[in-house]
PDB file of N, CA and C in Angstrom:
ATOM      1  N   UNK A   1      75.156  85.959  65.755  1.00  0.00           N
ATOM      2  CA  UNK A   1      76.798  85.937  65.775  1.00  0.00           C
ATOM      3  C   UNK A   1      77.484  87.071  65.853  1.00  0.00           C
ATOM      4  N   UNK A   2      76.659  87.803  65.456  1.00  0.00           N
ATOM      5  CA  UNK A   2      76.957  89.492  65.630  1.00  0.00           C
ATOM      6  C   UNK A   2      76.638  90.028  66.872  1.00  0.00           C
ATOM      7  N   UNK A   3      75.506  89.426  67.308  1.00  0.00           N
ATOM      8  CA  UNK A   3      75.058  89.996  68.730  1.00  0.00           C
ATOM      9  C   UNK A   3      76.121  89.791  69.641  1.00  0.00           C
ATOM     10  N   UNK A   4      76.149  88.257  69.777  1.00  0.00           N
ATOM     11  CA  UNK A   4      77.186  87.824  70.577  1.00  0.00           C
ATOM     12  C   UNK A   4      78.581  88.443  70.573  1.00  0.00           C
ATOM     13  N   UNK A   5      79.130  88.784  69.494  1.00  0.00           N
ATOM     14  CA  UNK A   5      80.235  89.403  69.466  1.00  0.00           C
ATOM     15  C   UNK A   5      80.285  90.849  69.827  1.00  0.00           C
ATOM     16  N   UNK A   6      78.873  91.393  69.697  1.00  0.00           N
ATOM     17  CA  UNK A   6      78.880  93.012  69.855  1.00  0.00           C
ATOM     18  C   UNK A   6      78.726  92.826  71.847  1.00  0.00           C
ATOM     19  N   UNK A   7      78.114  92.157  71.979  1.00  0.00           N
ATOM     20  CA  UNK A   7      77.837  92.057  73.441  1.00  0.00           C
ATOM     21  C   UNK A   7      79.301  91.680  74.251  1.00  0.00           C
ATOM     22  N   UNK A   8      80.107  90.967  73.677  1.00  0.00           N
ATOM     23  CA  UNK A   8      81.463  90.555  74.404  1.00  0.00           C
ATOM     24  C   UNK A   8      82.373  91.635  74.339  1.00  0.00           C
ATOM     25  N   UNK A   9      82.364  92.847  73.069  1.00  0.00           N
ATOM     26  CA  UNK A   9      82.865  93.794  73.313  1.00  0.00           C
ATOM     27  C   UNK A   9      82.272  94.739  74.227  1.00  0.00           C
ATOM     28  N   UNK A  10      80.856  95.177  74.425  1.00  0.00           N
ATOM     29  CA  UNK A  10      80.492  95.927  75.332  1.00  0.00           C
ATOM     30  C   UNK A  10      80.800  95.383  76.826  1.00  0.00           C
ATOM     31  N   UNK A  11      80.952  94.012  76.972  1.00  0.00           N
ATOM     32  CA  UNK A  11      81.315  93.593  78.543  1.00  0.00           C
ATOM     33  C   UNK A  11      82.618  93.817  78.615  1.00  0.00           C
ATOM     34  N   UNK A  12      83.456  93.674  77.662  1.00  0.00           N
ATOM     35  CA  UNK A  12      85.136  94.400  77.818  1.00  0.00           C
ATOM     36  C   UNK A  12      85.145  95.611  78.094  1.00  0.00           C
ATOM     37  N   UNK A  13      84.491  96.464  77.071  1.00  0.00           N
ATOM     38  CA  UNK A  13      84.585  98.046  77.556  1.00  0.00           C
ATOM     39  C   UNK A  13      84.325  98.145  78.869  1.00  0.00           C
ATOM     40  N   UNK A  14      83.206  97.666  79.201  1.00  0.00           N
ATOM     41  CA  UNK A  14      82.498  97.881  80.801  1.00  0.00           C
ATOM     42  C   UNK A  14      83.108  97.455  81.987  1.00  0.00           C
ATOM     43  N   UNK A  15      83.839  96.160  81.830  1.00  0.00           N
ATOM     44  CA  UNK A  15      85.164  95.718  82.571  1.00  0.00           C
ATOM     45  C   UNK A  15      86.476  96.573  82.599  1.00  0.00           C
ATOM     46  N   UNK A  16      86.890  97.191  81.167  1.00  0.00           N
ATOM     47  CA  UNK A  16      87.601  98.112  81.659  1.00  0.00           C
ATOM     48  C   UNK A  16      87.578  99.518  82.118  1.00  0.00           C
ATOM     49  N   UNK A  17      86.497  99.964  81.834  1.00  0.00           N
ATOM     50  CA  UNK A  17      85.717 101.188  82.336  1.00  0.00           C
ATOM     51  C   UNK A  17      85.718 101.061  83.835  1.00  0.00           C
ATOM     52  N   UNK A  18      85.197 100.206  84.203  1.00  0.00           N
ATOM     53  CA  UNK A  18      85.058  99.512  85.912  1.00  0.00           C
ATOM     54  C   UNK A  18      86.528  99.808  86.282  1.00  0.00           C
ATOM     55  N   UNK A  19      87.350  98.859  85.781  1.00  0.00           N
ATOM     56  CA  UNK A  19      88.918  98.709  86.351  1.00  0.00           C
ATOM     57  C   UNK A  19      89.315 100.203  86.347  1.00  0.00           C
ATOM     58  N   UNK A  20      89.190 100.991  85.004  1.00  0.00           N
ATOM     59  CA  UNK A  20      89.827 102.119  85.246  1.00  0.00           C
ATOM     60  C   UNK A  20      89.473 103.442  86.601  1.00  0.00           C
ATOM     61  N   UNK A  21      88.153 103.226  86.508  1.00  0.00           N
ATOM     62  CA  UNK A  21      87.699 104.026  87.510  1.00  0.00           C
ATOM     63  C   UNK A  21      87.869 103.208  89.077  1.00  0.00           C
ATOM     64  N   UNK A  22      88.044 101.911  89.286  1.00  0.00           N
ATOM     65  CA  UNK A  22      88.640 101.742  90.282  1.00  0.00           C
ATOM     66  C   UNK A  22      89.987 102.220  90.812  1.00  0.00           C
ATOM     67  N   UNK A  23      90.755 102.086  89.878  1.00  0.00           N
ATOM     68  CA  UNK A  23      92.038 102.533  89.944  1.00  0.00           C
ATOM     69  C   UNK A  23      92.636 103.939  90.185  1.00  0.00           C
ATOM     70  N   UNK A  24      91.496 104.737  89.660  1.00  0.00           N
ATOM     71  CA  UNK A  24      91.433 106.369  89.765  1.00  0.00           C
ATOM     72  C   UNK A  24      90.892 106.468  91.307  1.00  0.00           C
ATOM     73  N   UNK A  25      89.980 106.007  91.695  1.00  0.00           N
ATOM     74  CA  UNK A  25      89.428 106.121  93.056  1.00  0.00           C
ATOM     75  C   UNK A  25      90.728 105.458  93.957  1.00  0.00           C
ATOM     76  N   UNK A  26      91.328 104.662  93.690  1.00  0.00           N
ATOM     77  CA  UNK A  26      92.459 103.925  94.607  1.00  0.00           C
ATOM     78  C   UNK A  26      93.296 104.928  94.644  1.00  0.00           C
ATOM     79  N   UNK A  27      93.690 105.712  93.600  1.00  0.00           N
ATOM     80  CA  UNK A  27      94.920 106.645  93.849  1.00  0.00           C
ATOM     81  C   UNK A  27      94.404 107.558  94.307  1.00  0.00           C
ATOM     82  N   UNK A  28      93.553 108.243  94.141  1.00  0.00           N
ATOM     83  CA  UNK A  28      93.079 109.491  94.901  1.00  0.00           C
ATOM     84  C   UNK A  28      92.706 109.167  96.389  1.00  0.00           C
ATOM     85  N   UNK A  29      92.102 108.476  96.594  1.00  0.00           N
ATOM     86  CA  UNK A  29      91.749 107.868  98.197  1.00  0.00           C
ATOM     87  C   UNK A  29      93.632 107.989  98.747  1.00  0.00           C
ATOM     88  N   UNK A  30      94.339 106.898  98.030  1.00  0.00           N
ATOM     89  CA  UNK A  30      95.815 107.041  98.743  1.00  0.00           C
ATOM     90  C   UNK A  30      96.096 108.374  98.776  1.00  0.00           C
ATOM     91  N   UNK A  31      95.960 109.427  97.851  1.00  0.00           N
ATOM     92  CA  UNK A  31      96.800 110.728  97.772  1.00  0.00           C
ATOM     93  C   UNK A  31      95.853 111.509  99.258  1.00  0.00           C
ATOM     94  N   UNK A  32      94.642 111.213  99.246  1.00  0.00           N
ATOM     95  CA  UNK A  32      94.242 111.884 100.526  1.00  0.00           C
ATOM     96  C   UNK A  32      94.410 111.233 101.791  1.00  0.00           C
ATOM     97  N   UNK A  33      94.228 110.204 102.146  1.00  0.00           N
ATOM     98  CA  UNK A  33      94.319 109.447 103.375  1.00  0.00           C
ATOM     99  C   UNK A  33      95.664 108.551 103.426  1.00  0.00           C
ATOM    100  N   UNK A  34      96.661 108.246 102.653  1.00  0.00           N
ATOM    101  CA  UNK A  34      97.428 107.405 102.402  1.00  0.00           C
ATOM    102  C   UNK A  34      97.640 106.140 102.814  1.00  0.00           C
ATOM    103  N   UNK A  35      97.165 105.097 102.632  1.00  0.00           N
ATOM    104  CA  UNK A  35      97.005 103.817 102.925  1.00  0.00           C
ATOM    105  C   UNK A  35      98.103 103.270 103.748  1.00  0.00           C
ATOM    106  N   UNK A  36      99.319 103.645 103.432  1.00  0.00           N
ATOM    107  CA  UNK A  36     100.364 103.530 104.232  1.00  0.00           C
ATOM    108  C   UNK A  36     100.356 103.733 105.704  1.00  0.00           C
ATOM    109  N   UNK A  37     100.115 104.885 105.833  1.00  0.00           N
ATOM    110  CA  UNK A  37      99.556 105.563 107.220  1.00  0.00           C
ATOM    111  C   UNK A  37      98.835 104.457 108.176  1.00  0.00           C
ATOM    112  N   UNK A  38      97.799 104.023 107.752  1.00  0.00           N
ATOM    113  CA  UNK A  38      96.880 102.716 108.194  1.00  0.00           C
ATOM    114  C   UNK A  38      97.328 101.510 108.361  1.00  0.00           C
ATOM    115  N   UNK A  39      98.576 101.158 107.994  1.00  0.00           N
ATOM    116  CA  UNK A  39      99.022  99.862 107.572  1.00  0.00           C
ATOM    117  C   UNK A  39      98.452  98.984 106.457  1.00  0.00           C
ATOM    118  N   UNK A  40      97.772  99.743 105.645  1.00  0.00           N
ATOM    119  CA  UNK A  40      97.063  99.049 104.410  1.00  0.00           C
ATOM    120  C   UNK A  40      97.982  99.402 102.956  1.00  0.00           C
ATOM    121  N   UNK A  41      99.319  99.863 103.177  1.00  0.00           N
ATOM    122  CA  UNK A  41     100.084  99.671 102.000  1.00  0.00           C
ATOM    123  C   UNK A  41     100.176  98.552 100.953  1.00  0.00           C
ATOM    124  N   UNK A  42      99.427  97.578 101.420  1.00  0.00           N
ATOM    125  CA  UNK A  42      99.344  96.507 100.345  1.00  0.00           C
ATOM    126  C   UNK A  42      98.377  96.620  99.284  1.00  0.00           C
ATOM    127  N   UNK A  43      97.297  97.848  99.595  1.00  0.00           N
ATOM    128  CA  UNK A  43      96.268  98.034  98.758  1.00  0.00           C
ATOM    129  C   UNK A  43      96.941  98.816  97.471  1.00  0.00           C
ATOM    130  N   UNK A  44      98.047  99.632  97.664  1.00  0.00           N
ATOM    131  CA  UNK A  44      98.630 100.070  96.683  1.00  0.00           C
ATOM    132  C   UNK A  44      99.756  99.428  95.734  1.00  0.00           C
ATOM    133  N   UNK A  45     100.142  98.253  96.257  1.00  0.00           N
ATOM    134  CA  UNK A  45     100.981  97.430  95.727  1.00  0.00           C
ATOM    135  C   UNK A  45     100.697  97.237  94.334  1.00  0.00           C
ATOM    136  N   UNK A  46     101.972  97.331  93.539  1.00  0.00           N
ATOM    137  CA  UNK A  46     101.577  97.212  92.167  1.00  0.00           C
ATOM    138  C   UNK A  46     101.433  95.795  91.987  1.00  0.00           C
ATOM    139  N   UNK A  47     101.700  94.749  92.399  1.00  0.00           N
ATOM    140  CA  UNK A  47     101.126  93.475  92.254  1.00  0.00           C
ATOM    141  C   UNK A  47      99.958  93.131  92.414  1.00  0.00           C
ATOM    142  N   UNK A  48      99.173  93.823  93.203  1.00  0.00           N
ATOM    143  CA  UNK A  48      97.900  93.717  93.611  1.00  0.00           C
ATOM    144  C   UNK A  48      96.975  94.192  92.240  1.00  0.00           C
ATOM    145  N   UNK A  49      97.427  95.146  91.674  1.00  0.00           N
ATOM    146  CA  UNK A  49      96.536  95.687  90.639  1.00  0.00           C
ATOM    147  C   UNK A  49      95.927  94.750  89.553  1.00  0.00           C
ATOM    148  N   UNK A  50      96.951  93.759  89.208  1.00  0.00           N
ATOM    149  CA  UNK A  50      96.720  92.492  88.370  1.00  0.00           C
ATOM    150  C   UNK A  50      95.578  91.953  89.035  1.00  0.00           C
ATOM    151  N   UNK A  51      95.529  91.495  90.609  1.00  0.00           N
ATOM    152  CA  UNK A  51      94.325  90.998  90.989  1.00  0.00           C
ATOM    153  C   UNK A  51      93.239  91.744  90.736  1.00  0.00           C
ATOM    154  N   UNK A  52      93.015  93.269  91.094  1.00  0.00           N
ATOM    155  CA  UNK A  52      92.015  93.976  91.089  1.00  0.00           C
ATOM    156  C   UNK A  52      91.322  93.725  89.690  1.00  0.00           C
ATOM    157  N   UNK A  53      92.302  93.716  88.646  1.00  0.00           N
ATOM    158  CA  UNK A  53      91.857  93.759  87.202  1.00  0.00           C
ATOM    159  C   UNK A  53      90.826  92.564  86.845  1.00  0.00           C
ATOM    160  N   UNK A  54      91.868  91.172  87.607  1.00  0.00           N
ATOM    161  CA  UNK A  54      91.248  90.031  87.356  1.00  0.00           C
ATOM    162  C   UNK A  54      89.931  90.030  88.258  1.00  0.00           C
ATOM    163  N   UNK A  55      89.538  90.432  89.425  1.00  0.00           N
ATOM    164  CA  UNK A  55      88.534  90.470  90.048  1.00  0.00           C
ATOM    165  C   UNK A  55      87.236  91.065  89.315  1.00  0.00           C
ATOM    166  N   UNK A  56      87.760  92.419  88.444  1.00  0.00           N
ATOM    167  CA  UNK A  56      86.878  93.139  87.603  1.00  0.00           C
ATOM    168  C   UNK A  56      86.123  92.362  86.551  1.00  0.00           C
ATOM    169  N   UNK A  57      87.323  91.644  85.889  1.00  0.00           N
ATOM    170  CA  UNK A  57      86.668  91.034  84.905  1.00  0.00           C
ATOM    171  C   UNK A  57      85.939  89.742  85.236  1.00  0.00           C
ATOM    172  N   UNK A  58      86.170  89.212  86.126  1.00  0.00           N
ATOM    173  CA  UNK A  58      85.094  87.948  86.739  1.00  0.00           C
ATOM    174  C   UNK A  58      83.767  88.368  87.177  1.00  0.00           C
ATOM    175  N   UNK A  59      83.820  89.708  87.481  1.00  0.00           N
ATOM    176  CA  UNK A  59      82.583  90.155  88.027  1.00  0.00           C
ATOM    177  C   UNK A  59      81.708  90.943  86.917  1.00  0.00           C
ATOM    178  N   UNK A  60      82.277  91.346  85.875  1.00  0.00           N
ATOM    179  CA  UNK A  60      81.681  92.297  84.945  1.00  0.00           C
ATOM    180  C   UNK A  60      81.403  91.544  83.610  1.00  0.00           C
ATOM    181  N   UNK A  61      82.211  90.642  83.205  1.00  0.00           N
ATOM    182  CA  UNK A  61      82.257  90.115  81.897  1.00  0.00           C
ATOM    183  C   UNK A  61      81.737  88.613  81.724  1.00  0.00           C
ATOM    184  N   UNK A  62      80.963  88.669  80.706  1.00  0.00           N
ATOM    185  CA  UNK A  62      80.234  87.367  80.896  1.00  0.00           C
ATOM    186  C   UNK A  62      81.347  86.229  80.651  1.00  0.00           C
ATOM    187  N   UNK A  63      81.785  86.459  79.860  1.00  0.00           N
ATOM    188  CA  UNK A  63      83.302  85.423  79.343  1.00  0.00           C
ATOM    189  C   UNK A  63      84.411  85.279  80.415  1.00  0.00           C
ATOM    190  N   UNK A  64      84.354  84.250  81.230  1.00  0.00           N
ATOM    191  CA  UNK A  64      85.142  84.488  82.626  1.00  0.00           C
ATOM    192  C   UNK A  64      86.860  84.063  82.271  1.00  0.00           C
ATOM    193  N   UNK A  65      87.015  84.029  80.978  1.00  0.00           N
ATOM    194  CA  UNK A  65      88.148  83.481  80.192  1.00  0.00           C
ATOM    195  C   UNK A  65      89.331  84.656  80.689  1.00  0.00           C
ATOM    196  N   UNK A  66      89.029  85.751  80.491  1.00  0.00           N
ATOM    197  CA  UNK A  66      90.042  86.899  80.688  1.00  0.00           C
ATOM    198  C   UNK A  66      90.405  87.010  82.214  1.00  0.00           C
ATOM    199  N   UNK A  67      89.214  87.069  82.851  1.00  0.00           N
ATOM    200  CA  UNK A  67      89.466  86.953  84.677  1.00  0.00           C
ATOM    201  C   UNK A  67      90.362  85.850  85.116  1.00  0.00           C
ATOM    202  N   UNK A  68      89.713  84.695  84.709  1.00  0.00           N
ATOM    203  CA  UNK A  68      90.685  83.661  84.936  1.00  0.00           C
ATOM    204  C   UNK A  68      92.348  83.631  84.705  1.00  0.00           C
ATOM    205  N   UNK A  69      92.338  83.940  83.251  1.00  0.00           N
ATOM    206  CA  UNK A  69      93.930  84.053  82.670  1.00  0.00           C
ATOM    207  C   UNK A  69      94.420  84.931  83.974  1.00  0.00           C
ATOM    208  N   UNK A  70      94.019  86.233  84.154  1.00  0.00           N
ATOM    209  CA  UNK A  70      94.572  87.514  84.705  1.00  0.00           C
ATOM    210  C   UNK A  70      94.895  86.940  86.273  1.00  0.00           C
ATOM    211  N   UNK A  71      93.841  86.090  86.887  1.00  0.00           N
ATOM    212  CA  UNK A  71      94.229  85.454  87.938  1.00  0.00           C
ATOM    213  C   UNK A  71      95.026  84.410  88.354  1.00  0.00           C
ATOM    214  N   UNK A  72      95.054  83.669  87.226  1.00  0.00           N
ATOM    215  CA  UNK A  72      96.396  82.645  86.855  1.00  0.00           C
ATOM    216  C   UNK A  72      97.787  83.537  86.848  1.00  0.00           C
ATOM    217  N   UNK A  73      97.648  84.435  86.277  1.00  0.00           N
ATOM    218  CA  UNK A  73      98.839  85.467  86.039  1.00  0.00           C
ATOM    219  C   UNK A  73      99.479  85.948  87.358  1.00  0.00           C
ATOM    220  N   UNK A  74      98.297  86.494  88.067  1.00  0.00           N
ATOM    221  CA  UNK A  74      98.586  86.956  89.579  1.00  0.00           C
ATOM    222  C   UNK A  74      99.180  85.865  90.152  1.00  0.00           C
ATOM    223  N   UNK A  75      98.907  84.937  90.361  1.00  0.00           N
ATOM    224  CA  UNK A  75      99.088  83.692  91.263  1.00  0.00           C
ATOM    225  C   UNK A  75     100.578  83.091  90.890  1.00  0.00           C
ATOM    226  N   UNK A  76     101.020  83.434  89.660  1.00  0.00           N
ATOM    227  CA  UNK A  76     102.203  83.006  89.063  1.00  0.00           C
ATOM    228  C   UNK A  76     103.010  83.809  89.486  1.00  0.00           C
ATOM    229  N   UNK A  77     102.656  84.940  88.948  1.00  0.00           N
ATOM    230  CA  UNK A  77     103.758  86.151  89.650  1.00  0.00           C
ATOM    231  C   UNK A  77     103.955  86.332  91.038  1.00  0.00           C
ATOM    232  N   UNK A  78     103.073  85.874  91.955  1.00  0.00           N
ATOM    233  CA  UNK A  78     103.226  86.116  93.160  1.00  0.00           C
ATOM    234  C   UNK A  78     103.195  84.748  93.842  1.00  0.00           C
ATOM    235  N   UNK A  79     103.754  83.895  93.390  1.00  0.00           N
ATOM    236  CA  UNK A  79     104.133  82.406  93.993  1.00  0.00           C
ATOM    237  C   UNK A  79     104.827  82.748  95.335  1.00  0.00           C
ATOM    238  N   UNK A  80     105.925  83.402  95.210  1.00  0.00           N
ATOM    239  CA  UNK A  80     106.557  83.531  96.630  1.00  0.00           C
ATOM    240  C   UNK A  80     105.580  83.819  97.779  1.00  0.00           C
ATOM    241  N   UNK A  81     104.848  85.042  97.411  1.00  0.00           N
ATOM    242  CA  UNK A  81     103.826  85.317  98.370  1.00  0.00           C
ATOM    243  C   UNK A  81     103.040  84.156  99.345  1.00  0.00           C
ATOM    244  N   UNK A  82     102.566  83.670  97.879  1.00  0.00           N
ATOM    245  CA  UNK A  82     101.380  82.390  98.330  1.00  0.00           C
ATOM    246  C   UNK A  82     102.380  81.513  99.342  1.00  0.00           C
ATOM    247  N   UNK A  83     103.193  81.114  98.736  1.00  0.00           N
ATOM    248  CA  UNK A  83     103.909  80.130  99.772  1.00  0.00           C
ATOM    249  C   UNK A  83     104.548  80.315 100.937  1.00  0.00           C
ATOM    250  N   UNK A  84     104.554  81.599 101.065  1.00  0.00           N
ATOM    251  CA  UNK A  84     105.334  82.374 102.528  1.00  0.00           C
ATOM    252  C   UNK A  84     103.914  82.303 103.349  1.00  0.00           C
ATOM    253  N   UNK A  85     102.688  82.585 102.621  1.00  0.00           N
ATOM    254  CA  UNK A  85     101.328  82.780 103.656  1.00  0.00           C
ATOM    255  C   UNK A  85     101.103  81.308 103.942  1.00  0.00           C
ATOM    256  N   UNK A  86     101.328  80.091 103.036  1.00  0.00           N
ATOM    257  CA  UNK A  86     100.970  79.035 103.595  1.00  0.00           C
ATOM    258  C   UNK A  86     102.065  78.553 104.432  1.00  0.00           C
ATOM    259  N   UNK A  87     102.924  78.754 104.481  1.00  0.00           N
ATOM    260  CA  UNK A  87     104.014  78.061 105.471  1.00  0.00           C
ATOM    261  C   UNK A  87     104.377  76.769 105.092  1.00  0.00           C
ATOM    262  N   UNK A  88     104.236  76.113 106.154  1.00  0.00           N
ATOM    263  CA  UNK A  88     105.056  74.419 106.212  1.00  0.00           C
ATOM    264  C   UNK A  88     103.678  73.893 105.108  1.00  0.00           C
ATOM    265  N   UNK A  89     102.595  74.169 105.201  1.00  0.00           N
ATOM    266  CA  UNK A  89     101.290  73.808 104.644  1.00  0.00           C
ATOM    267  C   UNK A  89     101.839  73.691 103.157  1.00  0.00           C
ATOM    268  N   UNK A  90     102.580  74.528 102.679  1.00  0.00           N
ATOM    269  CA  UNK A  90     102.539  74.754 101.058  1.00  0.00           C
ATOM    270  C   UNK A  90     103.237  73.450 100.779  1.00  0.00           C
ATOM    271  N   UNK A  91     103.934  72.441 101.251  1.00  0.00           N
ATOM    272  CA  UNK A  91     104.998  71.460 100.732  1.00  0.00           C
ATOM    273  C   UNK A  91     103.852  70.363 100.465  1.00  0.00           C
ATOM    274  N   UNK A  92     102.945  70.288 101.363  1.00  0.00           N
ATOM    275  CA  UNK A  92     101.623  69.153 100.658  1.00  0.00           C
ATOM    276  C   UNK A  92     100.678  69.999 100.036  1.00  0.00           C
ATOM    277  N   UNK A  93     100.014  71.099 100.479  1.00  0.00           N
ATOM    278  CA  UNK A  93      98.822  71.722  99.912  1.00  0.00           C
ATOM    279  C   UNK A  93      99.166  71.919  98.349  1.00  0.00           C
ATOM    280  N   UNK A  94     100.384  72.563  97.953  1.00  0.00           N
ATOM    281  CA  UNK A  94     100.381  72.986  96.411  1.00  0.00           C
ATOM    282  C   UNK A  94     100.368  71.976  95.856  1.00  0.00           C
ATOM    283  N   UNK A  95     100.978  70.846  95.951  1.00  0.00           N
ATOM    284  CA  UNK A  95     101.115  69.608  94.890  1.00  0.00           C
ATOM    285  C   UNK A  95      99.592  68.969  94.910  1.00  0.00           C
ATOM    286  N   UNK A  96      99.060  68.950  95.610  1.00  0.00           N
ATOM    287  CA  UNK A  96      97.646  68.426  95.742  1.00  0.00           C
ATOM    288  C   UNK A  96      96.857  69.291  95.006  1.00  0.00           C
ATOM    289  N   UNK A  97      96.792  70.703  95.349  1.00  0.00           N
ATOM    290  CA  UNK A  97      96.029  71.729  94.635  1.00  0.00           C
ATOM    291  C   UNK A  97      96.387  71.727  93.088  1.00  0.00           C
ATOM    292  N   UNK A  98      97.651  71.378  92.694  1.00  0.00           N
ATOM    293  CA  UNK A  98      97.948  71.114  91.565  1.00  0.00           C
ATOM    294  C   UNK A  98      97.542  70.198  90.978  1.00  0.00           C
ATOM    295  N   UNK A  99      97.668  69.022  91.331  1.00  0.00           N
ATOM    296  CA  UNK A  99      96.902  67.806  91.189  1.00  0.00           C
ATOM    297  C   UNK A  99      95.295  68.219  90.606  1.00  0.00           C
ATOM    298  N   UNK A 100      94.598  68.447  91.684  1.00  0.00           N
ATOM    299  CA  UNK A 100      93.139  68.597  91.844  1.00  0.00           C
ATOM    300  C   UNK A 100      92.722  69.324  90.530  1.00  0.00           C
ATOM    301  N   UNK A 101      93.353  70.778  90.470  1.00  0.00           N
ATOM    302  CA  UNK A 101      93.260  71.337  89.255  1.00  0.00           C
ATOM    303  C   UNK A 101      93.324  70.729  87.909  1.00  0.00           C
ATOM    304  N   UNK A 102      94.421  70.317  87.707  1.00  0.00           N
ATOM    305  CA  UNK A 102      94.891  69.458  86.442  1.00  0.00           C
ATOM    306  C   UNK A 102      93.680  68.458  86.253  1.00  0.00           C
ATOM    307  N   UNK A 103      93.320  67.764  87.070  1.00  0.00           N
ATOM    308  CA  UNK A 103      92.336  66.481  87.195  1.00  0.00           C
ATOM    309  C   UNK A 103      91.013  67.385  86.581  1.00  0.00           C
ATOM    310  N   UNK A 104      90.376  68.125  87.121  1.00  0.00           N
ATOM    311  CA  UNK A 104      89.208  69.038  86.897  1.00  0.00           C
ATOM    312  C   UNK A 104      89.344  69.331  85.523  1.00  0.00           C
ATOM    313  N   UNK A 105      90.733  70.024  84.907  1.00  0.00           N
ATOM    314  CA  UNK A 105      90.841  70.438  83.754  1.00  0.00           C
ATOM    315  C   UNK A 105      90.710  69.467  82.679  1.00  0.00           C
ATOM    316  N   UNK A 106      91.467  68.347  82.883  1.00  0.00           N
ATOM    317  CA  UNK A 106      91.558  67.029  82.032  1.00  0.00           C
ATOM    318  C   UNK A 106      89.910  66.565  81.987  1.00  0.00           C
ATOM    319  N   UNK A 107      89.180  66.623  83.064  1.00  0.00           N
ATOM    320  CA  UNK A 107      87.789  65.964  82.973  1.00  0.00           C
ATOM    321  C   UNK A 107      86.842  67.123  82.367  1.00  0.00           C
ATOM    322  N   UNK A 108      87.207  68.277  82.436  1.00  0.00           N
ATOM    323  CA  UNK A 108      86.441  69.257  81.653  1.00  0.00           C
ATOM    324  C   UNK A 108      86.561  69.233  79.849  1.00  0.00           C
ATOM    325  N   UNK A 109      88.170  68.781  79.645  1.00  0.00           N
ATOM    326  CA  UNK A 109      88.442  69.011  78.563  1.00  0.00           C
ATOM    327  C   UNK A 109      87.947  67.475  77.868  1.00  0.00           C
ATOM    328  N   UNK A 110      87.577  66.564  78.491  1.00  0.00           N
ATOM    329  CA  UNK A 110      87.043  65.240  77.743  1.00  0.00           C
ATOM    330  C   UNK A 110      85.539  65.113  77.976  1.00  0.00           C
ATOM    331  N   UNK A 111      85.062  65.968  78.530  1.00  0.00           N
ATOM    332  CA  UNK A 111      83.382  65.893  78.467  1.00  0.00           C
ATOM    333  C   UNK A 111      83.175  66.181  77.236  1.00  0.00           C
TER     334      UNK A 111
END
């Protein structure tokens, strides 16, 4: 049990370290070449930093729950962007996606 807990902390520290290094690199590159000059202003958009963190935690942490929660938070916070990107498809796609995700979660909880 102690070994699993130690590995969990090690995974968390590794994912946090990679996230901080990634943010440092992004800020440094932005200061050098300015992403906005190349039409990439979305790279340094503060709303996407949560998505970057979620991706790093999903890649580097054995327990995926933190990455999934962070990705879910990003989805909730950027709901307007997602519906705008989906356009008219969102009228049907979003309720269907919610039904599917809910059914899958219910199925996992009863297994």
